[in-house]
PDB file of N, CA and C in Angstrom:
ATOM      1  N   MET A   1     141.702 -55.497  63.052  1.00  0.00           N
ATOM      2  CA  MET A   1     140.817 -54.353  62.885  1.00  0.00           C
ATOM      3  C   MET A   1     140.201 -53.953  64.218  1.00  0.00           C
ATOM      4  N   ASN A   2     140.092 -52.667  64.379  1.00  0.00           N
ATOM      5  CA  ASN A   2     139.411 -52.228  65.591  1.00  0.00           C
ATOM      6  C   ASN A   2     137.931 -52.013  65.312  1.00  0.00           C
ATOM      7  N   ILE A   3     137.209 -51.782  66.349  1.00  0.00           N
ATOM      8  CA  ILE A   3     135.750 -51.677  66.247  1.00  0.00           C
ATOM      9  C   ILE A   3     135.327 -50.495  65.379  1.00  0.00           C
ATOM     10  N   MET A   4     136.093 -49.415  65.385  1.00  0.00           N
ATOM     11  CA  MET A   4     135.757 -48.240  64.576  1.00  0.00           C
ATOM     12  C   MET A   4     135.863 -48.560  63.078  1.00  0.00           C
ATOM     13  N   GLN A   5     136.872 -49.334  62.694  1.00  0.00           N
ATOM     14  CA  GLN A   5     137.014 -49.717  61.296  1.00  0.00           C
ATOM     15  C   GLN A   5     135.857 -50.619  60.860  1.00  0.00           C
ATOM     16  N   ILE A   6     135.493 -51.529  61.734  1.00  0.00           N
ATOM     17  CA  ILE A   6     134.372 -52.425  61.432  1.00  0.00           C
ATOM     18  C   ILE A   6     133.085 -51.626  61.276  1.00  0.00           C
ATOM     19  N   MET A   7     132.858 -50.661  62.153  1.00  0.00           N
ATOM     20  CA  MET A   7     131.651 -49.822  62.079  1.00  0.00           C
ATOM     21  C   MET A   7     131.644 -49.016  60.780  1.00  0.00           C
ATOM     22  N   LYS A   8     132.797 -48.474  60.409  1.00  0.00           N
ATOM     23  CA  LYS A   8     132.884 -47.681  59.180  1.00  0.00           C
ATOM     24  C   LYS A   8     132.606 -48.565  57.962  1.00  0.00           C
ATOM     25  N   GLN A   9     133.146 -49.778  57.936  1.00  0.00           N
ATOM     26  CA  GLN A   9     132.889 -50.696  56.831  1.00  0.00           C
ATOM     27  C   GLN A   9     131.408 -51.051  56.760  1.00  0.00           C
ATOM     28  N   ALA A  10     130.798 -51.264  57.915  1.00  0.00           N
ATOM     29  CA  ALA A  10     129.367 -51.588  57.945  1.00  0.00           C
ATOM     30  C   ALA A  10     128.541 -50.422  57.402  1.00  0.00           C
ATOM     31  N   GLN A  11     128.908 -49.194  57.759  1.00  0.00           N
ATOM     32  CA  GLN A  11     128.201 -48.019  57.255  1.00  0.00           C
ATOM     33  C   GLN A  11     128.380 -47.887  55.744  1.00  0.00           C
ATOM     34  N   ASN A  12     129.599 -48.150  55.257  1.00  0.00           N
ATOM     35  CA  ASN A  12     129.855 -48.085  53.815  1.00  0.00           C
ATOM     36  C   ASN A  12     129.034 -49.125  53.065  1.00  0.00           C
ATOM     37  N   MET A  13     128.974 -50.343  53.606  1.00  0.00           N
ATOM     38  CA  MET A  13     128.178 -51.395  52.972  1.00  0.00           C
ATOM     39  C   MET A  13     126.709 -51.027  52.970  1.00  0.00           C
ATOM     40  N   GLN A  14     126.232 -50.445  54.064  1.00  0.00           N
ATOM     41  CA  GLN A  14     124.823 -50.052  54.142  1.00  0.00           C
ATOM     42  C   GLN A  14     124.523 -48.962  53.113  1.00  0.00           C
ATOM     43  N   ALA A  15     125.427 -48.013  52.934  1.00  0.00           N
ATOM     44  CA  ALA A  15     125.232 -46.945  51.945  1.00  0.00           C
ATOM     45  C   ALA A  15     125.231 -47.528  50.533  1.00  0.00           C
ATOM     46  N   LYS A  16     126.147 -48.463  50.254  1.00  0.00           N
ATOM     47  CA  LYS A  16     126.185 -49.097  48.933  1.00  0.00           C
ATOM     48  C   LYS A  16     124.923 -49.901  48.677  1.00  0.00           C
ATOM     49  N   LEU A  17     124.438 -50.587  49.705  1.00  0.00           N
ATOM     50  CA  LEU A  17     123.214 -51.369  49.572  1.00  0.00           C
ATOM     51  C   LEU A  17     122.033 -50.467  49.245  1.00  0.00           C
ATOM     52  N   LYS A  18     121.934 -49.341  49.947  1.00  0.00           N
ATOM     53  CA  LYS A  18     120.843 -48.397  49.697  1.00  0.00           C
ATOM     54  C   LYS A  18     120.935 -47.845  48.277  1.00  0.00           C
ATOM     55  N   GLU A  19     122.141 -47.498  47.840  1.00  0.00           N
ATOM     56  CA  GLU A  19     122.344 -46.981  46.491  1.00  0.00           C
ATOM     57  C   GLU A  19     121.958 -48.019  45.436  1.00  0.00           C
ATOM     58  N   THR A  20     122.349 -49.254  45.668  1.00  0.00           N
ATOM     59  CA  THR A  20     122.016 -50.334  44.737  1.00  0.00           C
ATOM     60  C   THR A  20     120.513 -50.557  44.676  1.00  0.00           C
ATOM     61  N   GLN A  21     119.842 -50.516  45.833  1.00  0.00           N
ATOM     62  CA  GLN A  21     118.395 -50.685  45.862  1.00  0.00           C
ATOM     63  C   GLN A  21     117.699 -49.572  45.080  1.00  0.00           C
ATOM     64  N   GLU A  22     118.203 -48.345  45.199  1.00  0.00           N
ATOM     65  CA  GLU A  22     117.623 -47.224  44.459  1.00  0.00           C
ATOM     66  C   GLU A  22     117.828 -47.395  42.959  1.00  0.00           C
ATOM     67  N   GLU A  23     119.023 -47.846  42.569  1.00  0.00           N
ATOM     68  CA  GLU A  23     119.286 -48.098  41.149  1.00  0.00           C
ATOM     69  C   GLU A  23     118.331 -49.153  40.606  1.00  0.00           C
ATOM     70  N   LEU A  24     118.163 -50.228  41.352  1.00  0.00           N
ATOM     71  CA  LEU A  24     117.274 -51.300  40.913  1.00  0.00           C
ATOM     72  C   LEU A  24     115.833 -50.817  40.810  1.00  0.00           C
ATOM     73  N   ALA A  25     115.405 -49.992  41.754  1.00  0.00           N
ATOM     74  CA  ALA A  25     114.027 -49.479  41.741  1.00  0.00           C
ATOM     75  C   ALA A  25     113.780 -48.587  40.531  1.00  0.00           C
ATOM     76  N   ASN A  26     114.829 -47.940  40.016  1.00  0.00           N
ATOM     77  CA  ASN A  26     114.676 -47.033  38.876  1.00  0.00           C
ATOM     78  C   ASN A  26     114.835 -47.718  37.521  1.00  0.00           C
ATOM     79  N   MET A  27     115.228 -48.974  37.508  1.00  0.00           N
ATOM     80  CA  MET A  27     115.351 -49.705  36.248  1.00  0.00           C
ATOM     81  C   MET A  27     113.975 -50.055  35.701  1.00  0.00           C
ATOM     82  N   GLN A  28     113.900 -50.185  34.381  1.00  0.00           N
ATOM     83  CA  GLN A  28     112.685 -50.705  33.757  1.00  0.00           C
ATOM     84  C   GLN A  28     113.098 -51.839  32.830  1.00  0.00           C
ATOM     85  N   ILE A  29     112.617 -53.030  33.126  1.00  0.00           N
ATOM     86  CA  ILE A  29     112.981 -54.224  32.385  1.00  0.00           C
ATOM     87  C   ILE A  29     111.720 -54.768  31.727  1.00  0.00           C
ATOM     88  N   THR A  30     111.791 -54.999  30.417  1.00  0.00           N
ATOM     89  CA  THR A  30     110.619 -55.446  29.662  1.00  0.00           C
ATOM     90  C   THR A  30     110.752 -56.912  29.275  1.00  0.00           C
ATOM     91  N   GLY A  31     109.674 -57.640  29.476  1.00  0.00           N
ATOM     92  CA  GLY A  31     109.566 -59.012  29.000  1.00  0.00           C
ATOM     93  C   GLY A  31     108.459 -59.072  27.966  1.00  0.00           C
ATOM     94  N   GLU A  32     108.645 -59.903  26.955  1.00  0.00           N
ATOM     95  CA  GLU A  32     107.665 -60.002  25.874  1.00  0.00           C
ATOM     96  C   GLU A  32     107.310 -61.450  25.612  1.00  0.00           C
ATOM     97  N   SER A  33     106.102 -61.650  25.094  1.00  0.00           N
ATOM     98  CA  SER A  33     105.699 -62.975  24.617  1.00  0.00           C
ATOM     99  C   SER A  33     104.880 -62.791  23.353  1.00  0.00           C
ATOM    100  N   ALA A  34     104.644 -63.884  22.685  1.00  0.00           N
ATOM    101  CA  ALA A  34     103.861 -63.889  21.438  1.00  0.00           C
ATOM    102  C   ALA A  34     104.418 -62.882  20.439  1.00  0.00           C
ATOM    103  N   GLY A  35     105.740 -62.885  20.302  1.00  0.00           N
ATOM    104  CA  GLY A  35     106.370 -61.995  19.328  1.00  0.00           C
ATOM    105  C   GLY A  35     106.178 -60.527  19.625  1.00  0.00           C
ATOM    106  N   GLY A  36     106.047 -60.173  20.888  1.00  0.00           N
ATOM    107  CA  GLY A  36     105.864 -58.781  21.284  1.00  0.00           C
ATOM    108  C   GLY A  36     104.417 -58.363  21.426  1.00  0.00           C
ATOM    109  N   ALA A  37     103.486 -59.290  21.249  1.00  0.00           N
ATOM    110  CA  ALA A  37     102.058 -58.963  21.365  1.00  0.00           C
ATOM    111  C   ALA A  37     101.669 -58.666  22.808  1.00  0.00           C
ATOM    112  N   VAL A  38     102.417 -59.220  23.761  1.00  0.00           N
ATOM    113  CA  VAL A  38     102.193 -58.943  25.178  1.00  0.00           C
ATOM    114  C   VAL A  38     103.530 -58.499  25.756  1.00  0.00           C
ATOM    115  N   LYS A  39     103.527 -57.318  26.390  1.00  0.00           N
ATOM    116  CA  LYS A  39     104.742 -56.774  26.997  1.00  0.00           C
ATOM    117  C   LYS A  39     104.469 -56.427  28.452  1.00  0.00           C
ATOM    118  N   VAL A  40     105.385 -56.857  29.314  1.00  0.00           N
ATOM    119  CA  VAL A  40     105.277 -56.569  30.738  1.00  0.00           C
ATOM    120  C   VAL A  40     106.546 -55.840  31.171  1.00  0.00           C
ATOM    121  N   VAL A  41     106.378 -54.792  31.982  1.00  0.00           N
ATOM    122  CA  VAL A  41     107.518 -54.028  32.473  1.00  0.00           C
ATOM    123  C   VAL A  41     107.577 -54.170  33.988  1.00  0.00           C
ATOM    124  N   CYS A  42     108.775 -54.498  34.489  1.00  0.00           N
ATOM    125  CA  CYS A  42     109.039 -54.580  35.923  1.00  0.00           C
ATOM    126  C   CYS A  42     110.261 -53.721  36.225  1.00  0.00           C
ATOM    127  N   ASP A  43     110.437 -53.384  37.497  1.00  0.00           N
ATOM    128  CA  ASP A  43     111.667 -52.693  37.860  1.00  0.00           C
ATOM    129  C   ASP A  43     112.726 -53.725  38.239  1.00  0.00           C
ATOM    130  N   GLY A  44     113.897 -53.265  38.598  1.00  0.00           N
ATOM    131  CA  GLY A  44     114.990 -54.160  38.926  1.00  0.00           C
ATOM    132  C   GLY A  44     114.817 -54.897  40.236  1.00  0.00           C
ATOM    133  N   GLN A  45     113.744 -54.586  40.964  1.00  0.00           N
ATOM    134  CA  GLN A  45     113.429 -55.281  42.209  1.00  0.00           C
ATOM    135  C   GLN A  45     112.277 -56.258  42.003  1.00  0.00           C
ATOM    136  N   SER A  46     111.986 -56.563  40.759  1.00  0.00           N
ATOM    137  CA  SER A  46     110.922 -57.488  40.367  1.00  0.00           C
ATOM    138  C   SER A  46     109.521 -56.979  40.690  1.00  0.00           C
ATOM    139  N   LYS A  47     109.379 -55.678  40.855  1.00  0.00           N
ATOM    140  CA  LYS A  47     108.048 -55.109  41.082  1.00  0.00           C
ATOM    141  C   LYS A  47     107.416 -54.776  39.744  1.00  0.00           C
ATOM    142  N   PHE A  48     106.182 -55.221  39.580  1.00  0.00           N
ATOM    143  CA  PHE A  48     105.418 -55.004  38.348  1.00  0.00           C
ATOM    144  C   PHE A  48     105.154 -53.518  38.147  1.00  0.00           C
ATOM    145  N   ILE A  49     105.326 -53.049  36.903  1.00  0.00           N
ATOM    146  CA  ILE A  49     105.033 -51.656  36.570  1.00  0.00           C
ATOM    147  C   ILE A  49     103.834 -51.562  35.626  1.00  0.00           C
ATOM    148  N   SER A  50     103.893 -52.300  34.505  1.00  0.00           N
ATOM    149  CA  SER A  50     102.793 -52.188  33.541  1.00  0.00           C
ATOM    150  C   SER A  50     102.736 -53.390  32.619  1.00  0.00           C
ATOM    151  N   ILE A  51     101.599 -53.480  31.924  1.00  0.00           N
ATOM    152  CA  ILE A  51     101.402 -54.513  30.908  1.00  0.00           C
ATOM    153  C   ILE A  51     100.747 -53.859  29.702  1.00  0.00           C
ATOM    154  N   LYS A  52     101.154 -54.275  28.518  1.00  0.00           N
ATOM    155  CA  LYS A  52     100.538 -53.812  27.272  1.00  0.00           C
ATOM    156  C   LYS A  52     100.178 -55.039  26.445  1.00  0.00           C
ATOM    157  N   ILE A  53      98.927 -55.072  25.996  1.00  0.00           N
ATOM    158  CA  ILE A  53      98.423 -56.185  25.191  1.00  0.00           C
ATOM    159  C   ILE A  53      98.008 -55.630  23.836  1.00  0.00           C
ATOM    160  N   SER A  54      98.519 -56.218  22.781  1.00  0.00           N
ATOM    161  CA  SER A  54      98.139 -55.764  21.439  1.00  0.00           C
ATOM    162  C   SER A  54      96.853 -56.475  21.009  1.00  0.00           C
ATOM    163  N   PRO A  55      96.127 -55.895  20.091  1.00  0.00           N
ATOM    164  CA  PRO A  55      94.906 -56.545  19.588  1.00  0.00           C
ATOM    165  C   PRO A  55      95.172 -57.936  19.015  1.00  0.00           C
ATOM    166  N   GLU A  56      96.356 -58.137  18.438  1.00  0.00           N
ATOM    167  CA  GLU A  56      96.713 -59.437  17.860  1.00  0.00           C
ATOM    168  C   GLU A  56      96.760 -60.536  18.915  1.00  0.00           C
ATOM    169  N   ALA A  57      97.076 -60.185  20.151  1.00  0.00           N
ATOM    170  CA  ALA A  57      97.123 -61.181  21.224  1.00  0.00           C
ATOM    171  C   ALA A  57      95.721 -61.664  21.589  1.00  0.00           C
ATOM    172  N   ILE A  58      94.731 -60.836  21.352  1.00  0.00           N
ATOM    173  CA  ILE A  58      93.356 -61.187  21.694  1.00  0.00           C
ATOM    174  C   ILE A  58      92.653 -61.880  20.527  1.00  0.00           C
ATOM    175  N   ASN A  59      92.869 -61.349  19.331  1.00  0.00           N
ATOM    176  CA  ASN A  59      92.232 -61.927  18.141  1.00  0.00           C
ATOM    177  C   ASN A  59      93.207 -61.837  16.973  1.00  0.00           C
ATOM    178  N   SER A  60      94.011 -62.864  16.819  1.00  0.00           N
ATOM    179  CA  SER A  60      95.018 -62.852  15.755  1.00  0.00           C
ATOM    180  C   SER A  60      94.398 -62.926  14.365  1.00  0.00           C
ATOM    181  N   GLU A  61      93.190 -63.468  14.274  1.00  0.00           N
ATOM    182  CA  GLU A  61      92.498 -63.578  12.976  1.00  0.00           C
ATOM    183  C   GLU A  61      92.025 -62.210  12.482  1.00  0.00           C
ATOM    184  N   ASN A  62      91.541 -61.389  13.423  1.00  0.00           N
ATOM    185  CA  ASN A  62      90.975 -60.092  13.055  1.00  0.00           C
ATOM    186  C   ASN A  62      91.266 -59.070  14.160  1.00  0.00           C
ATOM    187  N   PRO A  63      92.515 -58.623  14.261  1.00  0.00           N
ATOM    188  CA  PRO A  63      92.875 -57.704  15.351  1.00  0.00           C
ATOM    189  C   PRO A  63      92.123 -56.376  15.295  1.00  0.00           C
ATOM    190  N   GLU A  64      91.668 -55.971  14.128  1.00  0.00           N
ATOM    191  CA  GLU A  64      90.932 -54.708  14.010  1.00  0.00           C
ATOM    192  C   GLU A  64      89.588 -54.751  14.738  1.00  0.00           C
ATOM    193  N   SER A  65      89.073 -55.953  14.987  1.00  0.00           N
ATOM    194  CA  SER A  65      87.767 -56.093  15.643  1.00  0.00           C
ATOM    195  C   SER A  65      87.844 -55.900  17.160  1.00  0.00           C
ATOM    196  N   VAL A  66      89.044 -55.833  17.713  1.00  0.00           N
ATOM    197  CA  VAL A  66      89.204 -55.680  19.162  1.00  0.00           C
ATOM    198  C   VAL A  66      89.292 -54.194  19.491  1.00  0.00           C
ATOM    199  N   ASP A  67      88.365 -53.714  20.323  1.00  0.00           N
ATOM    200  CA  ASP A  67      88.386 -52.289  20.647  1.00  0.00           C
ATOM    201  C   ASP A  67      89.379 -51.992  21.784  1.00  0.00           C
ATOM    202  N   SER A  68      89.834 -50.756  21.813  1.00  0.00           N
ATOM    203  CA  SER A  68      90.860 -50.356  22.777  1.00  0.00           C
ATOM    204  C   SER A  68      90.344 -50.412  24.219  1.00  0.00           C
ATOM    205  N   GLU A  69      89.038 -50.209  24.427  1.00  0.00           N
ATOM    206  CA  GLU A  69      88.482 -50.288  25.783  1.00  0.00           C
ATOM    207  C   GLU A  69      88.605 -51.697  26.352  1.00  0.00           C
ATOM    208  N   THR A  70      88.391 -52.706  25.511  1.00  0.00           N
ATOM    209  CA  THR A  70      88.540 -54.097  25.947  1.00  0.00           C
ATOM    210  C   THR A  70      89.982 -54.367  26.352  1.00  0.00           C
ATOM    211  N   ILE A  71      90.911 -53.899  25.550  1.00  0.00           N
ATOM    212  CA  ILE A  71      92.326 -54.095  25.863  1.00  0.00           C
ATOM    213  C   ILE A  71      92.691 -53.393  27.175  1.00  0.00           C
ATOM    214  N   GLU A  72      92.265 -52.146  27.331  1.00  0.00           N
ATOM    215  CA  GLU A  72      92.556 -51.398  28.559  1.00  0.00           C
ATOM    216  C   GLU A  72      91.961 -52.087  29.784  1.00  0.00           C
ATOM    217  N   MET A  73      90.739 -52.616  29.644  1.00  0.00           N
ATOM    218  CA  MET A  73      90.109 -53.319  30.759  1.00  0.00           C
ATOM    219  C   MET A  73      90.929 -54.548  31.136  1.00  0.00           C
ATOM    220  N   LEU A  74      91.357 -55.331  30.142  1.00  0.00           N
ATOM    221  CA  LEU A  74      92.171 -56.515  30.415  1.00  0.00           C
ATOM    222  C   LEU A  74      93.496 -56.126  31.072  1.00  0.00           C
ATOM    223  N   GLU A  75      94.134 -55.078  30.562  1.00  0.00           N
ATOM    224  CA  GLU A  75      95.394 -54.615  31.149  1.00  0.00           C
ATOM    225  C   GLU A  75      95.196 -54.210  32.604  1.00  0.00           C
ATOM    226  N   ASP A  76      94.106 -53.499  32.893  1.00  0.00           N
ATOM    227  CA  ASP A  76      93.816 -53.076  34.272  1.00  0.00           C
ATOM    228  C   ASP A  76      93.560 -54.273  35.181  1.00  0.00           C
ATOM    229  N   LEU A  77      92.772 -55.233  34.700  1.00  0.00           N
ATOM    230  CA  LEU A  77      92.464 -56.415  35.504  1.00  0.00           C
ATOM    231  C   LEU A  77      93.724 -57.225  35.806  1.00  0.00           C
ATOM    232  N   ILE A  78      94.553 -57.423  34.798  1.00  0.00           N
ATOM    233  CA  ILE A  78      95.787 -58.182  34.987  1.00  0.00           C
ATOM    234  C   ILE A  78      96.741 -57.420  35.907  1.00  0.00           C
ATOM    235  N   SER A  79      96.861 -56.110  35.700  1.00  0.00           N
ATOM    236  CA  SER A  79      97.728 -55.284  36.547  1.00  0.00           C
ATOM    237  C   SER A  79      97.299 -55.350  37.999  1.00  0.00           C
ATOM    238  N   SER A  80      96.012 -55.259  38.242  1.00  0.00           N
ATOM    239  CA  SER A  80      95.484 -55.323  39.596  1.00  0.00           C
ATOM    240  C   SER A  80      95.801 -56.661  40.256  1.00  0.00           C
ATOM    241  N   ALA A  81      95.603 -57.735  39.519  1.00  0.00           N
ATOM    242  CA  ALA A  81      95.885 -59.068  40.069  1.00  0.00           C
ATOM    243  C   ALA A  81      97.376 -59.244  40.377  1.00  0.00           C
ATOM    244  N   ILE A  82      98.228 -58.774  39.491  1.00  0.00           N
ATOM    245  CA  ILE A  82      99.676 -58.887  39.721  1.00  0.00           C
ATOM    246  C   ILE A  82     100.078 -58.067  40.944  1.00  0.00           C
ATOM    247  N   ASN A  83      99.590 -56.831  41.042  1.00  0.00           N
ATOM    248  CA  ASN A  83      99.929 -55.984  42.190  1.00  0.00           C
ATOM    249  C   ASN A  83      99.438 -56.584  43.499  1.00  0.00           C
ATOM    250  N   GLN A  84      98.246 -57.160  43.498  1.00  0.00           N
ATOM    251  CA  GLN A  84      97.722 -57.794  44.700  1.00  0.00           C
ATOM    252  C   GLN A  84      98.587 -58.987  45.096  1.00  0.00           C
ATOM    253  N   ALA A  85      98.981 -59.794  44.130  1.00  0.00           N
ATOM    254  CA  ALA A  85      99.843 -60.945  44.425  1.00  0.00           C
ATOM    255  C   ALA A  85     101.193 -60.482  44.961  1.00  0.00           C
ATOM    256  N   ASN A  86     101.769 -59.421  44.379  1.00  0.00           N
ATOM    257  CA  ASN A  86     103.042 -58.895  44.862  1.00  0.00           C
ATOM    258  C   ASN A  86     102.943 -58.384  46.290  1.00  0.00           C
ATOM    259  N   GLU A  87     101.856 -57.689  46.610  1.00  0.00           N
ATOM    260  CA  GLU A  87     101.658 -57.184  47.971  1.00  0.00           C
ATOM    261  C   GLU A  87     101.554 -58.336  48.970  1.00  0.00           C
ATOM    262  N   LYS A  88     100.796 -59.363  48.609  1.00  0.00           N
ATOM    263  CA  LYS A  88     100.664 -60.531  49.489  1.00  0.00           C
ATOM    264  C   LYS A  88     102.007 -61.229  49.666  1.00  0.00           C
ATOM    265  N   ALA A  89     102.764 -61.360  48.582  1.00  0.00           N
ATOM    266  CA  ALA A  89     104.074 -62.011  48.650  1.00  0.00           C
ATOM    267  C   ALA A  89     105.027 -61.211  49.533  1.00  0.00           C
ATOM    268  N   ALA A  90     105.000 -59.874  49.424  1.00  0.00           N
ATOM    269  CA  ALA A  90     105.871 -59.024  50.237  1.00  0.00           C
ATOM    270  C   ALA A  90     105.532 -59.148  51.715  1.00  0.00           C
ATOM    271  N   LYS A  91     104.243 -59.167  52.040  1.00  0.00           N
ATOM    272  CA  LYS A  91     103.826 -59.323  53.441  1.00  0.00           C
ATOM    273  C   LYS A  91     104.242 -60.685  53.986  1.00  0.00           C
ATOM    274  N   GLU A  92     104.087 -61.707  53.172  1.00  0.00           N
ATOM    275  CA  GLU A  92     104.470 -63.063  53.586  1.00  0.00           C
ATOM    276  C   GLU A  92     105.979 -63.149  53.803  1.00  0.00           C
ATOM    277  N   MET A  93     106.743 -62.543  52.890  1.00  0.00           N
ATOM    278  CA  MET A  93     108.200 -62.554  53.023  1.00  0.00           C
ATOM    279  C   MET A  93     108.620 -61.819  54.293  1.00  0.00           C
ATOM    280  N   GLU A  94     108.012 -60.679  54.548  1.00  0.00           N
ATOM    281  CA  GLU A  94     108.349 -59.907  55.741  1.00  0.00           C
ATOM    282  C   GLU A  94     108.051 -60.703  57.007  1.00  0.00           C
ATOM    283  N   ALA A  95     106.905 -61.353  57.040  1.00  0.00           N
ATOM    284  CA  ALA A  95     106.540 -62.160  58.206  1.00  0.00           C
ATOM    285  C   ALA A  95     107.520 -63.315  58.413  1.00  0.00           C
ATOM    286  N   LYS A  96     107.885 -63.990  57.326  1.00  0.00           N
ATOM    287  CA  LYS A  96     108.822 -65.116  57.422  1.00  0.00           C
ATOM    288  C   LYS A  96     110.213 -64.643  57.841  1.00  0.00           C
ATOM    289  N   MET A  97     110.647 -63.493  57.320  1.00  0.00           N
ATOM    290  CA  MET A  97     111.970 -62.977  57.676  1.00  0.00           C
ATOM    291  C   MET A  97     112.007 -62.538  59.139  1.00  0.00           C
ATOM    292  N   LYS A  98     110.921 -61.934  59.624  1.00  0.00           N
ATOM    293  CA  LYS A  98     110.863 -61.564  61.044  1.00  0.00           C
ATOM    294  C   LYS A  98     110.941 -62.803  61.919  1.00  0.00           C
ATOM    295  N   GLN A  99     110.256 -63.842  61.485  1.00  0.00           N
ATOM    296  CA  GLN A  99     110.282 -65.099  62.226  1.00  0.00           C
ATOM    297  C   GLN A  99     111.698 -65.687  62.220  1.00  0.00           C
ATOM    298  N   ALA A 100     112.349 -65.635  61.064  1.00  0.00           N
ATOM    299  CA  ALA A 100     113.689 -66.211  60.932  1.00  0.00           C
ATOM    300  C   ALA A 100     114.736 -65.428  61.710  1.00  0.00           C
ATOM    301  N   THR A 101     114.549 -64.093  61.810  1.00  0.00           N
ATOM    302  CA  THR A 101     115.535 -63.263  62.509  1.00  0.00           C
ATOM    303  C   THR A 101     115.158 -63.002  63.962  1.00  0.00           C
ATOM    304  N   GLY A 102     114.087 -63.607  64.417  1.00  0.00           N
ATOM    305  CA  GLY A 102     113.657 -63.398  65.797  1.00  0.00           C
ATOM    306  C   GLY A 102     113.159 -61.990  66.052  1.00  0.00           C
ATOM    307  N   GLY A 103     112.673 -61.329  64.996  1.00  0.00           N
ATOM    308  CA  GLY A 103     112.128 -59.983  65.137  1.00  0.00           C
ATOM    309  C   GLY A 103     113.173 -58.888  65.043  1.00  0.00           C
ATOM    310  N   ILE A 104     114.430 -59.252  64.848  1.00  0.00           N
ATOM    311  CA  ILE A 104     115.476 -58.241  64.722  1.00  0.00           C
ATOM    312  C   ILE A 104     115.398 -57.641  63.328  1.00  0.00           C
ATOM    313  N   ASN A 105     115.355 -56.306  63.261  1.00  0.00           N
ATOM    314  CA  ASN A 105     115.284 -55.625  61.969  1.00  0.00           C
ATOM    315  C   ASN A 105     116.687 -55.467  61.413  1.00  0.00           C
ATOM    316  N   ILE A 106     116.935 -56.128  60.294  1.00  0.00           N
ATOM    317  CA  ILE A 106     118.235 -56.028  59.620  1.00  0.00           C
ATOM    318  C   ILE A 106     118.029 -55.177  58.373  1.00  0.00           C
ATOM    319  N   PRO A 107     118.550 -53.925  58.372  1.00  0.00           N
ATOM    320  CA  PRO A 107     118.325 -53.021  57.240  1.00  0.00           C
ATOM    321  C   PRO A 107     118.773 -53.644  55.919  1.00  0.00           C
ATOM    322  N   GLY A 108     117.921 -53.486  54.915  1.00  0.00           N
ATOM    323  CA  GLY A 108     118.243 -53.982  53.589  1.00  0.00           C
ATOM    324  C   GLY A 108     117.898 -55.432  53.371  1.00  0.00           C
ATOM    325  N   LEU A 109     117.524 -56.137  54.429  1.00  0.00           N
ATOM    326  CA  LEU A 109     117.209 -57.569  54.290  1.00  0.00           C
ATOM    327  C   LEU A 109     115.824 -57.754  53.703  1.00  0.00           C
ATOM    328  N   PHE A 110     114.869 -56.934  54.120  1.00  0.00           N
ATOM    329  CA  PHE A 110     113.511 -56.981  53.565  1.00  0.00           C
ATOM    330  C   PHE A 110     112.835 -55.647  53.733  1.00  0.00           C
TER     331      PHE A 110
END
C-alpha cells in the first residue's frame, strides 16, 4: 500500500467513527428496577438523560400519599448528582488519556 491509500483508509475510519459516535449519542436506552418503579434513561455513550420514580418506589404501602413535587425533587436531586459524577469522570478520563498519549490528541479517543 502506498501512503495515499493509508491516508484514505484513515479518513474513512475517522468518518465511520464519527458516524458511530453520533448514532450512539442519539440512542435512548432505558434501565428499570423494582418492577419498573424506577426508570433511568441513558444514551448509547453511557451519558445520563433522565430518571423517573413512581410513587410506589417511595411508599409501596400507600403510593397515593406521595405528592408529585416530592418525586420531582428527588428526580432532580438524583439527576444533578449523576450529571456531576459524569462530568468529573469525563474530566478525569481526559486527563488520564492525555497523560497516556503524551498530550497527543487522537480524534475519537476521548
